Amino acid sequence: MDRVIQKVSLGVLGLGVALAVPALSYAQATNIFPVSSDVATIKGDLLLWATALIGVALAIYAFKRVRALVR
């Protein structure tokens, strides 16, 4: 019985790989998101990411402070 389960799981894994490889190669060949290398766009993106990361850091800090106050 254990051997049957092993063969079935190996077959499912093989099927998953057989289906995933063509999908990944297709996804790499097409542009999902349009890419622009304009300097203004890059500056805006960097500013947006910096703001988002600072917001996440502040949220984590606030969560830890509130948790420390509650304890």
PDB file of N, CA and C in Angstrom:
ATOM      1  N   MET A   1       0.828  -1.196   0.000  1.00  0.00           N
ATOM      2  CA  MET A   1       0.000   0.000   0.000  1.00  0.00           C
ATOM      3  C   MET A   1       0.874   1.262   0.000  1.00  0.00           C
ATOM      4  N   ASP A   2       1.950   1.211   0.771  1.00  0.00           N
ATOM      5  CA  ASP A   2       2.845   2.363   0.849  1.00  0.00           C
ATOM      6  C   ASP A   2       3.500   2.639  -0.502  1.00  0.00           C
ATOM      7  N   ARG A   3       3.787   1.580  -1.218  1.00  0.00           N
ATOM      8  CA  ARG A   3       4.411   1.717  -2.532  1.00  0.00           C
ATOM      9  C   ARG A   3       3.456   2.343  -3.542  1.00  0.00           C
ATOM     10  N   VAL A   4       2.174   2.010  -3.428  1.00  0.00           N
ATOM     11  CA  VAL A   4       1.169   2.586  -4.329  1.00  0.00           C
ATOM     12  C   VAL A   4       1.056   4.086  -4.087  1.00  0.00           C
ATOM     13  N   ILE A   5       1.047   4.475  -2.833  1.00  0.00           N
ATOM     14  CA  ILE A   5       0.954   5.897  -2.493  1.00  0.00           C
ATOM     15  C   ILE A   5       2.183   6.640  -3.010  1.00  0.00           C
ATOM     16  N   GLN A   6       3.344   6.004  -2.918  1.00  0.00           N
ATOM     17  CA  GLN A   6       4.572   6.616  -3.412  1.00  0.00           C
ATOM     18  C   GLN A   6       4.508   6.827  -4.924  1.00  0.00           C
ATOM     19  N   LYS A   7       4.003   5.829  -5.645  1.00  0.00           N
ATOM     20  CA  LYS A   7       3.911   5.937  -7.102  1.00  0.00           C
ATOM     21  C   LYS A   7       2.900   7.002  -7.509  1.00  0.00           C
ATOM     22  N   VAL A   8       1.778   7.060  -6.799  1.00  0.00           N
ATOM     23  CA  VAL A   8       0.755   8.062  -7.120  1.00  0.00           C
ATOM     24  C   VAL A   8       1.288   9.463  -6.846  1.00  0.00           C
ATOM     25  N   SER A   9       1.968   9.647  -5.718  1.00  0.00           N
ATOM     26  CA  SER A   9       2.500  10.977  -5.404  1.00  0.00           C
ATOM     27  C   SER A   9       3.585  11.377  -6.400  1.00  0.00           C
ATOM     28  N   LEU A  10       4.383  10.421  -6.847  1.00  0.00           N
ATOM     29  CA  LEU A  10       5.393  10.709  -7.859  1.00  0.00           C
ATOM     30  C   LEU A  10       4.740  11.081  -9.186  1.00  0.00           C
ATOM     31  N   GLY A  11       3.645  10.408  -9.516  1.00  0.00           N
ATOM     32  CA  GLY A  11       2.915  10.734 -10.747  1.00  0.00           C
ATOM     33  C   GLY A  11       2.300  12.124 -10.689  1.00  0.00           C
ATOM     34  N   VAL A  12       1.743  12.478  -9.547  1.00  0.00           N
ATOM     35  CA  VAL A  12       1.152  13.809  -9.382  1.00  0.00           C
ATOM     36  C   VAL A  12       2.237  14.882  -9.465  1.00  0.00           C
ATOM     37  N   LEU A  13       3.383  14.622  -8.856  1.00  0.00           N
ATOM     38  CA  LEU A  13       4.495  15.566  -8.930  1.00  0.00           C
ATOM     39  C   LEU A  13       4.974  15.730 -10.368  1.00  0.00           C
ATOM     40  N   GLY A  14       5.088  14.623 -11.082  1.00  0.00           N
ATOM     41  CA  GLY A  14       5.501  14.689 -12.484  1.00  0.00           C
ATOM     42  C   GLY A  14       4.518  15.465 -13.332  1.00  0.00           C
ATOM     43  N   LEU A  15       3.229  15.259 -13.088  1.00  0.00           N
ATOM     44  CA  LEU A  15       2.199  15.997 -13.821  1.00  0.00           C
ATOM     45  C   LEU A  15       2.282  17.488 -13.506  1.00  0.00           C
ATOM     46  N   GLY A  16       2.507  17.818 -12.237  1.00  0.00           N
ATOM     47  CA  GLY A  16       2.634  19.224 -11.861  1.00  0.00           C
ATOM     48  C   GLY A  16       3.816  19.891 -12.537  1.00  0.00           C
ATOM     49  N   VAL A  17       4.942  19.197 -12.586  1.00  0.00           N
ATOM     50  CA  VAL A  17       6.125  19.749 -13.257  1.00  0.00           C
ATOM     51  C   VAL A  17       5.870  19.889 -14.748  1.00  0.00           C
ATOM     52  N   ALA A  18       5.219  18.877 -15.334  1.00  0.00           N
ATOM     53  CA  ALA A  18       4.941  18.916 -16.773  1.00  0.00           C
ATOM     54  C   ALA A  18       4.020  20.075 -17.137  1.00  0.00           C
ATOM     55  N   LEU A  19       3.124  20.443 -16.234  1.00  0.00           N
ATOM     56  CA  LEU A  19       2.225  21.565 -16.504  1.00  0.00           C
ATOM     57  C   LEU A  19       2.859  22.908 -16.155  1.00  0.00           C
ATOM     58  N   ALA A  20       3.746  22.928 -15.167  1.00  0.00           N
ATOM     59  CA  ALA A  20       4.315  24.193 -14.704  1.00  0.00           C
ATOM     60  C   ALA A  20       5.420  24.711 -15.617  1.00  0.00           C
ATOM     61  N   VAL A  21       6.206  23.834 -16.197  1.00  0.00           N
ATOM     62  CA  VAL A  21       7.344  24.277 -17.015  1.00  0.00           C
ATOM     63  C   VAL A  21       6.901  25.090 -18.224  1.00  0.00           C
ATOM     64  N   PRO A  22       5.911  24.633 -19.014  1.00  0.00           N
ATOM     65  CA  PRO A  22       5.481  25.484 -20.137  1.00  0.00           C
ATOM     66  C   PRO A  22       4.853  26.801 -19.676  1.00  0.00           C
ATOM     67  N   ALA A  23       4.139  26.766 -18.559  1.00  0.00           N
ATOM     68  CA  ALA A  23       3.518  27.993 -18.060  1.00  0.00           C
ATOM     69  C   ALA A  23       4.583  29.003 -17.640  1.00  0.00           C
ATOM     70  N   LEU A  24       5.640  28.536 -16.992  1.00  0.00           N
ATOM     71  CA  LEU A  24       6.708  29.445 -16.571  1.00  0.00           C
ATOM     72  C   LEU A  24       7.465  30.011 -17.761  1.00  0.00           C
ATOM     73  N   SER A  25       7.715  29.187 -18.765  1.00  0.00           N
ATOM     74  CA  SER A  25       8.437  29.696 -19.928  1.00  0.00           C
ATOM     75  C   SER A  25       7.584  30.709 -20.689  1.00  0.00           C
ATOM     76  N   TYR A  26       6.259  30.504 -20.725  1.00  0.00           N
ATOM     77  CA  TYR A  26       5.374  31.471 -21.374  1.00  0.00           C
ATOM     78  C   TYR A  26       5.338  32.776 -20.581  1.00  0.00           C
ATOM     79  N   ALA A  27       5.298  32.668 -19.254  1.00  0.00           N
ATOM     80  CA  ALA A  27       5.235  33.863 -18.410  1.00  0.00           C
ATOM     81  C   ALA A  27       6.516  34.684 -18.525  1.00  0.00           C
ATOM     82  N   GLN A  28       7.640  34.031 -18.730  1.00  0.00           N
ATOM     83  CA  GLN A  28       8.893  34.768 -18.872  1.00  0.00           C
ATOM     84  C   GLN A  28       8.988  35.450 -20.228  1.00  0.00           C
ATOM     85  N   ALA A  29       8.298  34.909 -21.223  1.00  0.00           N
ATOM     86  CA  ALA A  29       8.386  35.461 -22.571  1.00  0.00           C
ATOM     87  C   ALA A  29       7.489  36.680 -22.754  1.00  0.00           C
ATOM     88  N   THR A  30       6.447  36.812 -21.931  1.00  0.00           N
ATOM     89  CA  THR A  30       5.517  37.925 -22.087  1.00  0.00           C
ATOM     90  C   THR A  30       5.702  38.921 -20.950  1.00  0.00           C
ATOM     91  N   ASN A  31       5.411  40.167 -21.232  1.00  0.00           N
ATOM     92  CA  ASN A  31       5.464  41.196 -20.196  1.00  0.00           C
ATOM     93  C   ASN A  31       4.129  41.238 -19.478  1.00  0.00           C
ATOM     94  N   ILE A  32       4.142  40.899 -18.213  1.00  0.00           N
ATOM     95  CA  ILE A  32       2.916  40.964 -17.427  1.00  0.00           C
ATOM     96  C   ILE A  32       2.646  42.412 -17.038  1.00  0.00           C
ATOM     97  N   PHE A  33       3.681  43.103 -16.592  1.00  0.00           N
ATOM     98  CA  PHE A  33       3.563  44.501 -16.228  1.00  0.00           C
ATOM     99  C   PHE A  33       4.394  45.324 -17.208  1.00  0.00           C
ATOM    100  N   PRO A  34       3.838  46.398 -17.714  1.00  0.00           N
ATOM    101  CA  PRO A  34       4.638  47.228 -18.618  1.00  0.00           C
ATOM    102  C   PRO A  34       5.791  47.885 -17.852  1.00  0.00           C
ATOM    103  N   VAL A  35       6.960  47.866 -18.446  1.00  0.00           N
ATOM    104  CA  VAL A  35       8.153  48.392 -17.785  1.00  0.00           C
ATOM    105  C   VAL A  35       8.567  49.684 -18.474  1.00  0.00           C
ATOM    106  N   SER A  36       8.767  50.718 -17.675  1.00  0.00           N
ATOM    107  CA  SER A  36       9.220  51.995 -18.200  1.00  0.00           C
ATOM    108  C   SER A  36      10.533  52.349 -17.515  1.00  0.00           C
ATOM    109  N   SER A  37      11.493  52.818 -18.279  1.00  0.00           N
ATOM    110  CA  SER A  37      12.780  53.185 -17.691  1.00  0.00           C
ATOM    111  C   SER A  37      12.967  54.695 -17.658  1.00  0.00           C
ATOM    112  N   ASP A  38      11.877  55.432 -17.679  1.00  0.00           N
ATOM    113  CA  ASP A  38      11.940  56.885 -17.591  1.00  0.00           C
ATOM    114  C   ASP A  38      12.444  57.277 -16.201  1.00  0.00           C
ATOM    115  N   VAL A  39      13.303  58.272 -16.124  1.00  0.00           N
ATOM    116  CA  VAL A  39      13.910  58.670 -14.851  1.00  0.00           C
ATOM    117  C   VAL A  39      12.850  59.142 -13.864  1.00  0.00           C
ATOM    118  N   ALA A  40      11.876  59.897 -14.326  1.00  0.00           N
ATOM    119  CA  ALA A  40      10.820  60.385 -13.433  1.00  0.00           C
ATOM    120  C   ALA A  40      10.006  59.224 -12.872  1.00  0.00           C
ATOM    121  N   THR A  41       9.752  58.220 -13.686  1.00  0.00           N
ATOM    122  CA  THR A  41       8.992  57.057 -13.227  1.00  0.00           C
ATOM    123  C   THR A  41       9.783  56.282 -12.179  1.00  0.00           C
ATOM    124  N   ILE A  42      11.084  56.130 -12.414  1.00  0.00           N
ATOM    125  CA  ILE A  42      11.922  55.401 -11.461  1.00  0.00           C
ATOM    126  C   ILE A  42      12.002  56.153 -10.137  1.00  0.00           C
ATOM    127  N   LYS A  43      12.152  57.476 -10.193  1.00  0.00           N
ATOM    128  CA  LYS A  43      12.182  58.267  -8.958  1.00  0.00           C
ATOM    129  C   LYS A  43      10.863  58.146  -8.203  1.00  0.00           C
ATOM    130  N   GLY A  44       9.763  58.199  -8.934  1.00  0.00           N
ATOM    131  CA  GLY A  44       8.455  58.057  -8.295  1.00  0.00           C
ATOM    132  C   GLY A  44       8.276  56.695  -7.663  1.00  0.00           C
ATOM    133  N   ASP A  45       8.728  55.653  -8.361  1.00  0.00           N
ATOM    134  CA  ASP A  45       8.625  54.301  -7.810  1.00  0.00           C
ATOM    135  C   ASP A  45       9.477  54.142  -6.558  1.00  0.00           C
ATOM    136  N   LEU A  46      10.696  54.687  -6.591  1.00  0.00           N
ATOM    137  CA  LEU A  46      11.558  54.604  -5.408  1.00  0.00           C
ATOM    138  C   LEU A  46      10.951  55.343  -4.223  1.00  0.00           C
ATOM    139  N   LEU A  47      10.381  56.512  -4.477  1.00  0.00           N
ATOM    140  CA  LEU A  47       9.732  57.270  -3.412  1.00  0.00           C
ATOM    141  C   LEU A  47       8.534  56.511  -2.852  1.00  0.00           C
ATOM    142  N   LEU A  48       7.767  55.892  -3.729  1.00  0.00           N
ATOM    143  CA  LEU A  48       6.609  55.108  -3.293  1.00  0.00           C
ATOM    144  C   LEU A  48       7.038  53.920  -2.443  1.00  0.00           C
ATOM    145  N   TRP A  49       8.056  53.183  -2.882  1.00  0.00           N
ATOM    146  CA  TRP A  49       8.532  52.031  -2.112  1.00  0.00           C
ATOM    147  C   TRP A  49       9.127  52.469  -0.776  1.00  0.00           C
ATOM    148  N   ALA A  50       9.865  53.567  -0.762  1.00  0.00           N
ATOM    149  CA  ALA A  50      10.442  54.055   0.493  1.00  0.00           C
ATOM    150  C   ALA A  50       9.347  54.437   1.481  1.00  0.00           C
ATOM    151  N   THR A  51       8.311  55.104   0.978  1.00  0.00           N
ATOM    152  CA  THR A  51       7.191  55.479   1.839  1.00  0.00           C
ATOM    153  C   THR A  51       6.490  54.246   2.384  1.00  0.00           C
ATOM    154  N   ALA A  52       6.298  53.251   1.538  1.00  0.00           N
ATOM    155  CA  ALA A  52       5.629  52.022   1.975  1.00  0.00           C
ATOM    156  C   ALA A  52       6.460  51.296   3.027  1.00  0.00           C
ATOM    157  N   LEU A  53       7.766  51.206   2.820  1.00  0.00           N
ATOM    158  CA  LEU A  53       8.618  50.514   3.790  1.00  0.00           C
ATOM    159  C   LEU A  53       8.688  51.258   5.117  1.00  0.00           C
ATOM    160  N   ILE A  54       8.732  52.586   5.068  1.00  0.00           N
ATOM    161  CA  ILE A  54       8.715  53.366   6.307  1.00  0.00           C
ATOM    162  C   ILE A  54       7.389  53.161   7.030  1.00  0.00           C
ATOM    163  N   GLY A  55       6.297  53.115   6.281  1.00  0.00           N
ATOM    164  CA  GLY A  55       4.988  52.868   6.887  1.00  0.00           C
ATOM    165  C   GLY A  55       4.917  51.511   7.558  1.00  0.00           C
ATOM    166  N   VAL A  56       5.474  50.498   6.922  1.00  0.00           N
ATOM    167  CA  VAL A  56       5.483  49.158   7.522  1.00  0.00           C
ATOM    168  C   VAL A  56       6.337  49.150   8.780  1.00  0.00           C
ATOM    169  N   ALA A  57       7.494  49.797   8.728  1.00  0.00           N
ATOM    170  CA  ALA A  57       8.365  49.852   9.906  1.00  0.00           C
ATOM    171  C   ALA A  57       7.679  50.574  11.063  1.00  0.00           C
ATOM    172  N   LEU A  58       6.996  51.665  10.771  1.00  0.00           N
ATOM    173  CA  LEU A  58       6.279  52.388  11.830  1.00  0.00           C
ATOM    174  C   LEU A  58       5.120  51.570  12.386  1.00  0.00           C
ATOM    175  N   ALA A  59       4.432  50.831  11.538  1.00  0.00           N
ATOM    176  CA  ALA A  59       3.329  49.986  12.010  1.00  0.00           C
ATOM    177  C   ALA A  59       3.851  48.885  12.925  1.00  0.00           C
ATOM    178  N   ILE A  60       4.982  48.290  12.574  1.00  0.00           N
ATOM    179  CA  ILE A  60       5.570  47.248  13.427  1.00  0.00           C
ATOM    180  C   ILE A  60       6.018  47.848  14.756  1.00  0.00           C
ATOM    181  N   TYR A  61       6.640  49.020  14.704  1.00  0.00           N
ATOM    182  CA  TYR A  61       7.075  49.687  15.930  1.00  0.00           C
ATOM    183  C   TYR A  61       5.879  50.011  16.828  1.00  0.00           C
ATOM    184  N   ALA A  62       4.815  50.541  16.241  1.00  0.00           N
ATOM    185  CA  ALA A  62       3.623  50.883  17.025  1.00  0.00           C
ATOM    186  C   ALA A  62       2.991  49.634  17.620  1.00  0.00           C
ATOM    187  N   PHE A  63       2.958  48.549  16.846  1.00  0.00           N
ATOM    188  CA  PHE A  63       2.391  47.307  17.360  1.00  0.00           C
ATOM    189  C   PHE A  63       3.180  46.813  18.570  1.00  0.00           C
ATOM    190  N   LYS A  64       4.508  46.870  18.486  1.00  0.00           N
ATOM    191  CA  LYS A  64       5.337  46.415  19.603  1.00  0.00           C
ATOM    192  C   LYS A  64       5.166  47.315  20.818  1.00  0.00           C
ATOM    193  N   ARG A  65       5.046  48.631  20.596  1.00  0.00           N
ATOM    194  CA  ARG A  65       4.852  49.554  21.724  1.00  0.00           C
ATOM    195  C   ARG A  65       3.519  49.306  22.416  1.00  0.00           C
ATOM    196  N   VAL A  66       2.463  49.126  21.625  1.00  0.00           N
ATOM    197  CA  VAL A  66       1.141  48.884  22.218  1.00  0.00           C
ATOM    198  C   VAL A  66       1.137  47.555  22.948  1.00  0.00           C
ATOM    199  N   ARG A  67       1.762  46.545  22.359  1.00  0.00           N
ATOM    200  CA  ARG A  67       1.813  45.237  23.011  1.00  0.00           C
ATOM    201  C   ARG A  67       2.582  45.324  24.328  1.00  0.00           C
ATOM    202  N   ALA A  68       3.655  46.119  24.358  1.00  0.00           N
ATOM    203  CA  ALA A  68       4.421  46.282  25.595  1.00  0.00           C
ATOM    204  C   ALA A  68       3.616  47.038  26.644  1.00  0.00           C
ATOM    205  N   LEU A  69       2.814  48.001  26.223  1.00  0.00           N
ATOM    206  CA  LEU A  69       1.992  48.754  27.174  1.00  0.00           C
ATOM    207  C   LEU A  69       0.864  47.905  27.740  1.00  0.00           C
ATOM    208  N   VAL A  70       0.318  47.021  26.926  1.00  0.00           N
ATOM    209  CA  VAL A  70      -0.800  46.185  27.375  1.00  0.00           C
ATOM    210  C   VAL A  70      -0.318  45.148  28.378  1.00  0.00           C
ATOM    211  N   ARG A  71       0.891  44.651  28.204  1.00  0.00           N
ATOM    212  CA  ARG A  71       1.408  43.627  29.123  1.00  0.00           C
ATOM    213  C   ARG A  71       1.733  44.184  30.433  1.00  0.00           C
TER     214      ARG A  71
END
